[in-house]
All heavy atoms as atom14 arrays in JSON, in Angstrom:
{
  "sequence": "DLSVGSVAGFIGAVAAVMMVNWKIDPFLAGIACLALGAVIGGAQGYF",
  "atom14_mask": [
    [1, 1, 1, 1, 1, 1, 1, 1, 0, 0, 0, 0, 0, 0],
    [1, 1, 1, 1, 1, 1, 1, 1, 0, 0, 0, 0, 0, 0],
    [1, 1, 1, 1, 1, 1, 0, 0, 0, 0, 0, 0, 0, 0],
    [1, 1, 1, 1, 1, 1, 1, 0, 0, 0, 0, 0, 0, 0],
    [1, 1, 1, 1, 0, 0, 0, 0, 0, 0, 0, 0, 0, 0],
    [1, 1, 1, 1, 1, 1, 0, 0, 0, 0, 0, 0, 0, 0],
    [1, 1, 1, 1, 1, 1, 1, 0, 0, 0, 0, 0, 0, 0],
    [1, 1, 1, 1, 1, 0, 0, 0, 0, 0, 0, 0, 0, 0],
    [1, 1, 1, 1, 0, 0, 0, 0, 0, 0, 0, 0, 0, 0],
    [1, 1, 1, 1, 1, 1, 1, 1, 1, 1, 1, 0, 0, 0],
    [1, 1, 1, 1, 1, 1, 1, 1, 0, 0, 0, 0, 0, 0],
    [1, 1, 1, 1, 0, 0, 0, 0, 0, 0, 0, 0, 0, 0],
    [1, 1, 1, 1, 1, 0, 0, 0, 0, 0, 0, 0, 0, 0],
    [1, 1, 1, 1, 1, 1, 1, 0, 0, 0, 0, 0, 0, 0],
    [1, 1, 1, 1, 1, 0, 0, 0, 0, 0, 0, 0, 0, 0],
    [1, 1, 1, 1, 1, 0, 0, 0, 0, 0, 0, 0, 0, 0],
    [1, 1, 1, 1, 1, 1, 1, 0, 0, 0, 0, 0, 0, 0],
    [1, 1, 1, 1, 1, 1, 1, 1, 0, 0, 0, 0, 0, 0],
    [1, 1, 1, 1, 1, 1, 1, 1, 0, 0, 0, 0, 0, 0],
    [1, 1, 1, 1, 1, 1, 1, 0, 0, 0, 0, 0, 0, 0],
    [1, 1, 1, 1, 1, 1, 1, 1, 0, 0, 0, 0, 0, 0],
    [1, 1, 1, 1, 1, 1, 1, 1, 1, 1, 1, 1, 1, 1],
    [1, 1, 1, 1, 1, 1, 1, 1, 1, 0, 0, 0, 0, 0],
    [1, 1, 1, 1, 1, 1, 1, 1, 0, 0, 0, 0, 0, 0],
    [1, 1, 1, 1, 1, 1, 1, 1, 0, 0, 0, 0, 0, 0],
    [1, 1, 1, 1, 1, 1, 1, 0, 0, 0, 0, 0, 0, 0],
    [1, 1, 1, 1, 1, 1, 1, 1, 1, 1, 1, 0, 0, 0],
    [1, 1, 1, 1, 1, 1, 1, 1, 0, 0, 0, 0, 0, 0],
    [1, 1, 1, 1, 1, 0, 0, 0, 0, 0, 0, 0, 0, 0],
    [1, 1, 1, 1, 0, 0, 0, 0, 0, 0, 0, 0, 0, 0],
    [1, 1, 1, 1, 1, 1, 1, 1, 0, 0, 0, 0, 0, 0],
    [1, 1, 1, 1, 1, 0, 0, 0, 0, 0, 0, 0, 0, 0],
    [1, 1, 1, 1, 1, 1, 0, 0, 0, 0, 0, 0, 0, 0],
    [1, 1, 1, 1, 1, 1, 1, 1, 0, 0, 0, 0, 0, 0],
    [1, 1, 1, 1, 1, 0, 0, 0, 0, 0, 0, 0, 0, 0],
    [1, 1, 1, 1, 1, 1, 1, 1, 0, 0, 0, 0, 0, 0],
    [1, 1, 1, 1, 0, 0, 0, 0, 0, 0, 0, 0, 0, 0],
    [1, 1, 1, 1, 1, 0, 0, 0, 0, 0, 0, 0, 0, 0],
    [1, 1, 1, 1, 1, 1, 1, 0, 0, 0, 0, 0, 0, 0],
    [1, 1, 1, 1, 1, 1, 1, 1, 0, 0, 0, 0, 0, 0],
    [1, 1, 1, 1, 0, 0, 0, 0, 0, 0, 0, 0, 0, 0],
    [1, 1, 1, 1, 0, 0, 0, 0, 0, 0, 0, 0, 0, 0],
    [1, 1, 1, 1, 1, 0, 0, 0, 0, 0, 0, 0, 0, 0],
    [1, 1, 1, 1, 1, 1, 1, 1, 1, 0, 0, 0, 0, 0],
    [1, 1, 1, 1, 0, 0, 0, 0, 0, 0, 0, 0, 0, 0],
    [1, 1, 1, 1, 1, 1, 1, 1, 1, 1, 1, 1, 0, 0],
    [1, 1, 1, 1, 1, 1, 1, 1, 1, 1, 1, 0, 0, 0]
  ],
  "atom14_positions": [
    [[-7.58, -0.78, -7.4], [-6.9, -1.82, -8.23], [-7.58, -3.13, -8.03], [-7.47, -3.75, -6.99], [-5.41, -1.86, -7.83], [-4.63, -2.72, -8.82], [-5.2, -3.45, -9.55], [-3.37, -2.62, -8.79], [0.0, 0.0, 0.0], [0.0, 0.0, 0.0], [0.0, 0.0, 0.0], [0.0, 0.0, 0.0], [0.0, 0.0, 0.0], [0.0, 0.0, 0.0]],
    [[-8.29, -3.56, -9.06], [-9.05, -4.82, -9.0], [-8.22, -6.02, -9.42], [-8.68, -7.15, -9.41], [-10.27, -4.74, -9.82], [-11.29, -3.65, -9.47], [-12.47, -3.62, -10.45], [-11.82, -3.85, -8.04], [0.0, 0.0, 0.0], [0.0, 0.0, 0.0], [0.0, 0.0, 0.0], [0.0, 0.0, 0.0], [0.0, 0.0, 0.0], [0.0, 0.0, 0.0]],
    [[-6.99, -5.77, -9.95], [-6.23, -6.82, -10.57], [-5.22, -7.51, -9.64], [-4.53, -8.45, -10.08], [-5.43, -6.23, -11.78], [-4.43, -5.33, -11.32], [0.0, 0.0, 0.0], [0.0, 0.0, 0.0], [0.0, 0.0, 0.0], [0.0, 0.0, 0.0], [0.0, 0.0, 0.0], [0.0, 0.0, 0.0], [0.0, 0.0, 0.0], [0.0, 0.0, 0.0]],
    [[-5.12, -7.04, -8.38], [-4.04, -7.52, -7.53], [-4.08, -9.07, -7.27], [-3.04, -9.7, -7.24], [-4.01, -6.83, -6.17], [-3.64, -5.34, -6.35], [-5.4, -6.92, -5.48], [0.0, 0.0, 0.0], [0.0, 0.0, 0.0], [0.0, 0.0, 0.0], [0.0, 0.0, 0.0], [0.0, 0.0, 0.0], [0.0, 0.0, 0.0], [0.0, 0.0, 0.0]],
    [[-5.27, -9.6, -7.14], [-5.41, -11.04, -6.98], [-4.92, -11.83, -8.18], [-4.16, -12.8, -8.08], [0.0, 0.0, 0.0], [0.0, 0.0, 0.0], [0.0, 0.0, 0.0], [0.0, 0.0, 0.0], [0.0, 0.0, 0.0], [0.0, 0.0, 0.0], [0.0, 0.0, 0.0], [0.0, 0.0, 0.0], [0.0, 0.0, 0.0], [0.0, 0.0, 0.0]],
    [[-5.34, -11.35, -9.38], [-4.94, -12.03, -10.61], [-3.45, -11.86, -10.87], [-2.77, -12.82, -11.33], [-5.67, -11.47, -11.8], [-7.1, -11.72, -11.66], [0.0, 0.0, 0.0], [0.0, 0.0, 0.0], [0.0, 0.0, 0.0], [0.0, 0.0, 0.0], [0.0, 0.0, 0.0], [0.0, 0.0, 0.0], [0.0, 0.0, 0.0], [0.0, 0.0, 0.0]],
    [[-2.88, -10.68, -10.57], [-1.42, -10.5, -10.73], [-0.64, -11.41, -9.76], [0.35, -12.0, -10.16], [-1.04, -9.01, -10.48], [0.45, -8.82, -10.41], [-1.65, -8.11, -11.56], [0.0, 0.0, 0.0], [0.0, 0.0, 0.0], [0.0, 0.0, 0.0], [0.0, 0.0, 0.0], [0.0, 0.0, 0.0], [0.0, 0.0, 0.0], [0.0, 0.0, 0.0]],
    [[-1.14, -11.52, -8.53], [-0.47, -12.41, -7.57], [-0.48, -13.87, -8.07], [0.53, -14.59, -8.01], [-1.15, -12.31, -6.21], [0.0, 0.0, 0.0], [0.0, 0.0, 0.0], [0.0, 0.0, 0.0], [0.0, 0.0, 0.0], [0.0, 0.0, 0.0], [0.0, 0.0, 0.0], [0.0, 0.0, 0.0], [0.0, 0.0, 0.0], [0.0, 0.0, 0.0]],
    [[-1.66, -14.32, -8.61], [-1.73, -15.67, -9.15], [-0.83, -15.84, -10.37], [-0.2, -16.93, -10.48], [0.0, 0.0, 0.0], [0.0, 0.0, 0.0], [0.0, 0.0, 0.0], [0.0, 0.0, 0.0], [0.0, 0.0, 0.0], [0.0, 0.0, 0.0], [0.0, 0.0, 0.0], [0.0, 0.0, 0.0], [0.0, 0.0, 0.0], [0.0, 0.0, 0.0]],
    [[-0.78, -14.83, -11.21], [0.02, -14.92, -12.41], [1.52, -15.03, -12.04], [2.27, -15.81, -12.64], [-0.23, -13.72, -13.31], [0.71, -13.59, -14.46], [0.71, -14.55, -15.5], [1.61, -12.51, -14.55], [1.59, -14.41, -16.57], [2.45, -12.43, -15.58], [2.48, -13.37, -16.63], [0.0, 0.0, 0.0], [0.0, 0.0, 0.0], [0.0, 0.0, 0.0]],
    [[1.95, -14.17, -11.11], [3.36, -14.22, -10.68], [3.69, -15.54, -10.07], [4.82, -16.1, -10.27], [3.62, -13.04, -9.71], [3.5, -11.7, -10.45], [5.02, -13.17, -9.09], [4.48, -11.49, -11.56], [0.0, 0.0, 0.0], [0.0, 0.0, 0.0], [0.0, 0.0, 0.0], [0.0, 0.0, 0.0], [0.0, 0.0, 0.0], [0.0, 0.0, 0.0]],
    [[2.79, -16.09, -9.23], [3.02, -17.45, -8.73], [3.25, -18.49, -9.76], [4.09, -19.4, -9.71], [0.0, 0.0, 0.0], [0.0, 0.0, 0.0], [0.0, 0.0, 0.0], [0.0, 0.0, 0.0], [0.0, 0.0, 0.0], [0.0, 0.0, 0.0], [0.0, 0.0, 0.0], [0.0, 0.0, 0.0], [0.0, 0.0, 0.0], [0.0, 0.0, 0.0]],
    [[2.43, -18.36, -10.85], [2.53, -19.29, -12.01], [3.84, -19.11, -12.7], [4.51, -20.13, -13.03], [1.37, -19.08, -12.94], [0.0, 0.0, 0.0], [0.0, 0.0, 0.0], [0.0, 0.0, 0.0], [0.0, 0.0, 0.0], [0.0, 0.0, 0.0], [0.0, 0.0, 0.0], [0.0, 0.0, 0.0], [0.0, 0.0, 0.0], [0.0, 0.0, 0.0]],
    [[4.29, -17.89, -12.95], [5.57, -17.64, -13.59], [6.73, -18.17, -12.74], [7.67, -18.78, -13.24], [5.77, -16.12, -13.83], [7.16, -15.81, -14.32], [4.71, -15.64, -14.87], [0.0, 0.0, 0.0], [0.0, 0.0, 0.0], [0.0, 0.0, 0.0], [0.0, 0.0, 0.0], [0.0, 0.0, 0.0], [0.0, 0.0, 0.0], [0.0, 0.0, 0.0]],
    [[6.61, -17.93, -11.39], [7.67, -18.45, -10.49], [7.77, -19.94, -10.56], [8.91, -20.53, -10.53], [7.38, -17.97, -9.04], [0.0, 0.0, 0.0], [0.0, 0.0, 0.0], [0.0, 0.0, 0.0], [0.0, 0.0, 0.0], [0.0, 0.0, 0.0], [0.0, 0.0, 0.0], [0.0, 0.0, 0.0], [0.0, 0.0, 0.0], [0.0, 0.0, 0.0]],
    [[6.6, -20.65, -10.63], [6.64, -22.09, -10.66], [7.29, -22.58, -11.96], [8.11, -23.52, -11.9], [5.21, -22.61, -10.58], [0.0, 0.0, 0.0], [0.0, 0.0, 0.0], [0.0, 0.0, 0.0], [0.0, 0.0, 0.0], [0.0, 0.0, 0.0], [0.0, 0.0, 0.0], [0.0, 0.0, 0.0], [0.0, 0.0, 0.0], [0.0, 0.0, 0.0]],
    [[6.96, -21.99, -13.07], [7.57, -22.38, -14.32], [9.07, -22.16, -14.31], [9.84, -23.0, -14.73], [6.9, -21.63, -15.51], [7.68, -21.88, -16.79], [5.48, -22.04, -15.69], [0.0, 0.0, 0.0], [0.0, 0.0, 0.0], [0.0, 0.0, 0.0], [0.0, 0.0, 0.0], [0.0, 0.0, 0.0], [0.0, 0.0, 0.0], [0.0, 0.0, 0.0]],
    [[9.49, -21.01, -13.77], [10.92, -20.7, -13.76], [11.69, -21.64, -12.85], [12.79, -22.1, -13.16], [11.11, -19.2, -13.3], [10.59, -18.19, -14.29], [10.76, -16.54, -13.74], [12.52, -16.31, -13.85], [0.0, 0.0, 0.0], [0.0, 0.0, 0.0], [0.0, 0.0, 0.0], [0.0, 0.0, 0.0], [0.0, 0.0, 0.0], [0.0, 0.0, 0.0]],
    [[11.14, -21.88, -11.65], [11.89, -22.7, -10.65], [11.75, -24.16, -10.87], [12.73, -24.93, -10.68], [11.4, -22.34, -9.26], [11.66, -20.89, -8.82], [11.12, -20.57, -7.12], [10.93, -18.8, -7.16], [0.0, 0.0, 0.0], [0.0, 0.0, 0.0], [0.0, 0.0, 0.0], [0.0, 0.0, 0.0], [0.0, 0.0, 0.0], [0.0, 0.0, 0.0]],
    [[10.51, -24.62, -11.19], [10.25, -26.06, -11.27], [10.59, -26.63, -12.7], [11.27, -27.61, -12.8], [8.8, -26.38, -10.97], [8.52, -27.88, -11.06], [8.45, -25.9, -9.5], [0.0, 0.0, 0.0], [0.0, 0.0, 0.0], [0.0, 0.0, 0.0], [0.0, 0.0, 0.0], [0.0, 0.0, 0.0], [0.0, 0.0, 0.0], [0.0, 0.0, 0.0]],
    [[10.1, -25.92, -13.69], [10.33, -26.45, -15.08], [11.67, -26.07, -15.64], [12.37, -26.86, -16.29], [9.19, -25.92, -15.99], [7.86, -26.5, -15.6], [7.74, -27.38, -14.79], [6.78, -25.97, -16.22], [0.0, 0.0, 0.0], [0.0, 0.0, 0.0], [0.0, 0.0, 0.0], [0.0, 0.0, 0.0], [0.0, 0.0, 0.0], [0.0, 0.0, 0.0]],
    [[12.07, -24.81, -15.44], [13.29, -24.31, -16.01], [14.52, -24.41, -15.11], [15.65, -24.13, -15.53], [13.13, -22.85, -16.49], [12.09, -22.68, -17.55], [11.45, -23.65, -18.3], [11.55, -21.44, -18.03], [10.56, -23.11, -19.14], [10.61, -21.73, -19.04], [11.77, -20.07, -17.67], [9.89, -20.77, -19.69], [11.06, -19.09, -18.36], [10.15, -19.44, -19.32]],
    [[14.27, -24.79, -13.85], [15.35, -24.98, -12.87], [16.17, -23.72, -12.61], [17.39, -23.8, -12.35], [16.26, -26.15, -13.25], [15.57, -27.41, -13.62], [14.78, -27.97, -12.41], [14.09, -29.29, -12.81], [13.23, -29.83, -11.71], [0.0, 0.0, 0.0], [0.0, 0.0, 0.0], [0.0, 0.0, 0.0], [0.0, 0.0, 0.0], [0.0, 0.0, 0.0]],
    [[15.57, -22.56, -12.7], [16.28, -21.31, -12.43], [16.45, -21.15, -10.95], [15.57, -21.5, -10.12], [15.49, -20.13, -13.05], [15.46, -20.24, -14.58], [16.15, -18.8, -12.61], [14.7, -19.12, -15.26], [0.0, 0.0, 0.0], [0.0, 0.0, 0.0], [0.0, 0.0, 0.0], [0.0, 0.0, 0.0], [0.0, 0.0, 0.0], [0.0, 0.0, 0.0]],
    [[17.56, -20.55, -10.5], [17.86, -20.31, -9.08], [16.71, -19.54, -8.46], [16.24, -18.57, -9.01], [19.15, -19.52, -8.98], [19.46, -19.23, -7.51], [19.92, -20.14, -6.78], [19.23, -18.08, -7.08], [0.0, 0.0, 0.0], [0.0, 0.0, 0.0], [0.0, 0.0, 0.0], [0.0, 0.0, 0.0], [0.0, 0.0, 0.0], [0.0, 0.0, 0.0]],
    [[16.18, -20.03, -7.31], [15.02, -19.36, -6.64], [15.24, -17.91, -6.38], [14.28, -17.1, -6.52], [14.87, -20.16, -5.33], [15.43, -21.5, -5.67], [16.57, -21.26, -6.58], [0.0, 0.0, 0.0], [0.0, 0.0, 0.0], [0.0, 0.0, 0.0], [0.0, 0.0, 0.0], [0.0, 0.0, 0.0], [0.0, 0.0, 0.0], [0.0, 0.0, 0.0]],
    [[16.45, -17.51, -5.98], [16.68, -16.11, -5.68], [16.57, -15.26, -6.94], [15.93, -14.2, -6.92], [18.07, -15.94, -5.08], [18.44, -14.53, -4.75], [17.95, -13.91, -3.6], [19.28, -13.77, -5.57], [18.24, -12.54, -3.3], [19.62, -12.46, -5.28], [19.12, -11.87, -4.15], [0.0, 0.0, 0.0], [0.0, 0.0, 0.0], [0.0, 0.0, 0.0]],
    [[17.22, -15.69, -8.03], [17.13, -14.98, -9.29], [15.71, -14.93, -9.82], [15.24, -13.9, -10.31], [18.09, -15.59, -10.34], [19.56, -15.53, -9.97], [20.37, -16.24, -11.05], [20.03, -14.08, -9.85], [0.0, 0.0, 0.0], [0.0, 0.0, 0.0], [0.0, 0.0, 0.0], [0.0, 0.0, 0.0], [0.0, 0.0, 0.0], [0.0, 0.0, 0.0]],
    [[15.01, -16.09, -9.71], [13.66, -16.13, -10.18], [12.76, -15.21, -9.34], [11.85, -14.51, -9.88], [13.09, -17.56, -10.06], [0.0, 0.0, 0.0], [0.0, 0.0, 0.0], [0.0, 0.0, 0.0], [0.0, 0.0, 0.0], [0.0, 0.0, 0.0], [0.0, 0.0, 0.0], [0.0, 0.0, 0.0], [0.0, 0.0, 0.0], [0.0, 0.0, 0.0]],
    [[12.99, -15.15, -8.03], [12.25, -14.23, -7.2], [12.4, -12.77, -7.55], [11.45, -12.03, -7.65], [0.0, 0.0, 0.0], [0.0, 0.0, 0.0], [0.0, 0.0, 0.0], [0.0, 0.0, 0.0], [0.0, 0.0, 0.0], [0.0, 0.0, 0.0], [0.0, 0.0, 0.0], [0.0, 0.0, 0.0], [0.0, 0.0, 0.0], [0.0, 0.0, 0.0]],
    [[13.66, -12.39, -7.81], [13.97, -11.01, -8.23], [13.26, -10.68, -9.51], [12.66, -9.56, -9.73], [15.48, -10.76, -8.35], [16.15, -10.92, -6.99], [15.76, -9.41, -8.95], [15.72, -9.96, -5.94], [0.0, 0.0, 0.0], [0.0, 0.0, 0.0], [0.0, 0.0, 0.0], [0.0, 0.0, 0.0], [0.0, 0.0, 0.0], [0.0, 0.0, 0.0]],
    [[13.32, -11.64, -10.47], [12.7, -11.43, -11.81], [11.18, -11.31, -11.67], [10.56, -10.47, -12.35], [13.07, -12.63, -12.73], [0.0, 0.0, 0.0], [0.0, 0.0, 0.0], [0.0, 0.0, 0.0], [0.0, 0.0, 0.0], [0.0, 0.0, 0.0], [0.0, 0.0, 0.0], [0.0, 0.0, 0.0], [0.0, 0.0, 0.0], [0.0, 0.0, 0.0]],
    [[10.59, -12.07, -10.77], [9.12, -12.0, -10.56], [8.73, -10.66, -9.96], [7.68, -10.12, -10.29], [8.67, -13.14, -9.68], [8.67, -14.78, -10.52], [0.0, 0.0, 0.0], [0.0, 0.0, 0.0], [0.0, 0.0, 0.0], [0.0, 0.0, 0.0], [0.0, 0.0, 0.0], [0.0, 0.0, 0.0], [0.0, 0.0, 0.0], [0.0, 0.0, 0.0]],
    [[9.5, -10.19, -9.0], [9.23, -8.89, -8.4], [9.3, -7.78, -9.46], [8.49, -6.85, -9.48], [10.17, -8.62, -7.22], [10.04, -9.49, -5.99], [11.1, -9.12, -4.98], [8.65, -9.28, -5.33], [0.0, 0.0, 0.0], [0.0, 0.0, 0.0], [0.0, 0.0, 0.0], [0.0, 0.0, 0.0], [0.0, 0.0, 0.0], [0.0, 0.0, 0.0]],
    [[10.33, -7.88, -10.31], [10.5, -6.9, -11.38], [9.34, -6.98, -12.37], [8.82, -5.93, -12.81], [11.8, -7.12, -12.08], [0.0, 0.0, 0.0], [0.0, 0.0, 0.0], [0.0, 0.0, 0.0], [0.0, 0.0, 0.0], [0.0, 0.0, 0.0], [0.0, 0.0, 0.0], [0.0, 0.0, 0.0], [0.0, 0.0, 0.0], [0.0, 0.0, 0.0]],
    [[8.9, -8.19, -12.66], [7.75, -8.36, -13.57], [6.46, -7.78, -12.93], [5.69, -7.1, -13.67], [7.55, -9.86, -13.87], [6.37, -10.2, -14.76], [6.46, -9.52, -16.12], [6.24, -11.74, -14.92], [0.0, 0.0, 0.0], [0.0, 0.0, 0.0], [0.0, 0.0, 0.0], [0.0, 0.0, 0.0], [0.0, 0.0, 0.0], [0.0, 0.0, 0.0]],
    [[6.3, -7.98, -11.64], [5.13, -7.35, -10.99], [5.17, -5.85, -11.08], [4.1, -5.21, -11.3], [0.0, 0.0, 0.0], [0.0, 0.0, 0.0], [0.0, 0.0, 0.0], [0.0, 0.0, 0.0], [0.0, 0.0, 0.0], [0.0, 0.0, 0.0], [0.0, 0.0, 0.0], [0.0, 0.0, 0.0], [0.0, 0.0, 0.0], [0.0, 0.0, 0.0]],
    [[6.36, -5.24, -10.85], [6.45, -3.79, -10.93], [6.15, -3.29, -12.35], [5.49, -2.28, -12.54], [7.88, -3.38, -10.51], [0.0, 0.0, 0.0], [0.0, 0.0, 0.0], [0.0, 0.0, 0.0], [0.0, 0.0, 0.0], [0.0, 0.0, 0.0], [0.0, 0.0, 0.0], [0.0, 0.0, 0.0], [0.0, 0.0, 0.0], [0.0, 0.0, 0.0]],
    [[6.63, -4.04, -13.38], [6.34, -3.69, -14.76], [4.83, -3.75, -15.03], [4.27, -2.85, -15.7], [7.12, -4.6, -15.72], [6.64, -4.41, -17.14], [8.62, -4.33, -15.63], [0.0, 0.0, 0.0], [0.0, 0.0, 0.0], [0.0, 0.0, 0.0], [0.0, 0.0, 0.0], [0.0, 0.0, 0.0], [0.0, 0.0, 0.0], [0.0, 0.0, 0.0]],
    [[4.19, -4.8, -14.55], [2.72, -4.93, -14.75], [2.0, -3.77, -14.08], [1.12, -3.12, -14.67], [2.25, -6.27, -14.16], [2.76, -7.45, -15.01], [0.72, -6.3, -14.06], [2.5, -8.81, -14.35], [0.0, 0.0, 0.0], [0.0, 0.0, 0.0], [0.0, 0.0, 0.0], [0.0, 0.0, 0.0], [0.0, 0.0, 0.0], [0.0, 0.0, 0.0]],
    [[2.39, -3.46, -12.85], [1.76, -2.3, -12.16], [2.04, -1.01, -12.89], [1.12, -0.15, -13.04], [0.0, 0.0, 0.0], [0.0, 0.0, 0.0], [0.0, 0.0, 0.0], [0.0, 0.0, 0.0], [0.0, 0.0, 0.0], [0.0, 0.0, 0.0], [0.0, 0.0, 0.0], [0.0, 0.0, 0.0], [0.0, 0.0, 0.0], [0.0, 0.0, 0.0]],
    [[3.27, -0.86, -13.43], [3.61, 0.39, -14.14], [2.8, 0.47, -15.47], [2.4, 1.57, -15.85], [0.0, 0.0, 0.0], [0.0, 0.0, 0.0], [0.0, 0.0, 0.0], [0.0, 0.0, 0.0], [0.0, 0.0, 0.0], [0.0, 0.0, 0.0], [0.0, 0.0, 0.0], [0.0, 0.0, 0.0], [0.0, 0.0, 0.0], [0.0, 0.0, 0.0]],
    [[2.6, -0.65, -16.14], [1.8, -0.61, -17.39], [0.41, -0.17, -17.13], [-0.16, 0.66, -17.87], [1.81, -2.01, -18.02], [0.0, 0.0, 0.0], [0.0, 0.0, 0.0], [0.0, 0.0, 0.0], [0.0, 0.0, 0.0], [0.0, 0.0, 0.0], [0.0, 0.0, 0.0], [0.0, 0.0, 0.0], [0.0, 0.0, 0.0], [0.0, 0.0, 0.0]],
    [[-0.22, -0.68, -16.06], [-1.57, -0.25, -15.71], [-1.59, 1.17, -15.26], [-2.5, 1.99, -15.64], [-2.15, -1.2, -14.65], [-2.3, -2.62, -15.09], [-3.02, -3.49, -14.12], [-4.04, -4.14, -14.42], [-2.52, -3.57, -12.88], [0.0, 0.0, 0.0], [0.0, 0.0, 0.0], [0.0, 0.0, 0.0], [0.0, 0.0, 0.0], [0.0, 0.0, 0.0]],
    [[-0.61, 1.51, -14.44], [-0.52, 2.92, -13.95], [-0.32, 3.89, -15.07], [-0.8, 5.06, -14.99], [0.0, 0.0, 0.0], [0.0, 0.0, 0.0], [0.0, 0.0, 0.0], [0.0, 0.0, 0.0], [0.0, 0.0, 0.0], [0.0, 0.0, 0.0], [0.0, 0.0, 0.0], [0.0, 0.0, 0.0], [0.0, 0.0, 0.0], [0.0, 0.0, 0.0]],
    [[0.36, 3.51, -16.12], [0.64, 4.45, -17.27], [-0.66, 4.84, -17.91], [-0.88, 6.0, -18.26], [1.57, 3.76, -18.28], [1.96, 4.64, -19.39], [3.03, 5.54, -19.26], [1.29, 4.61, -20.63], [3.42, 6.36, -20.3], [1.68, 5.43, -21.69], [2.75, 6.31, -21.49], [3.13, 7.12, -22.54], [0.0, 0.0, 0.0], [0.0, 0.0, 0.0]],
    [[-1.58, 3.81, -18.14], [-2.85, 4.14, -18.77], [-3.7, 5.03, -17.85], [-4.43, 5.89, -18.34], [-3.61, 2.86, -19.09], [-3.04, 2.14, -20.28], [-2.3, 0.97, -20.12], [-3.22, 2.59, -21.59], [-1.81, 0.28, -21.24], [-2.7, 1.94, -22.68], [-1.98, 0.77, -22.48], [0.0, 0.0, 0.0], [0.0, 0.0, 0.0], [0.0, 0.0, 0.0]]
  ]
}
């Protein structure tokens, strides 16, 4: 898996937008980011 670094950076970016710009609760944002990471991994794993 060559994408782990980019996925980590992308999730950090999404977390920043959710917590800093949209003021979403950090706990909820963290759960959403973990779920998004699992979906990304699943999408690649599906192919």
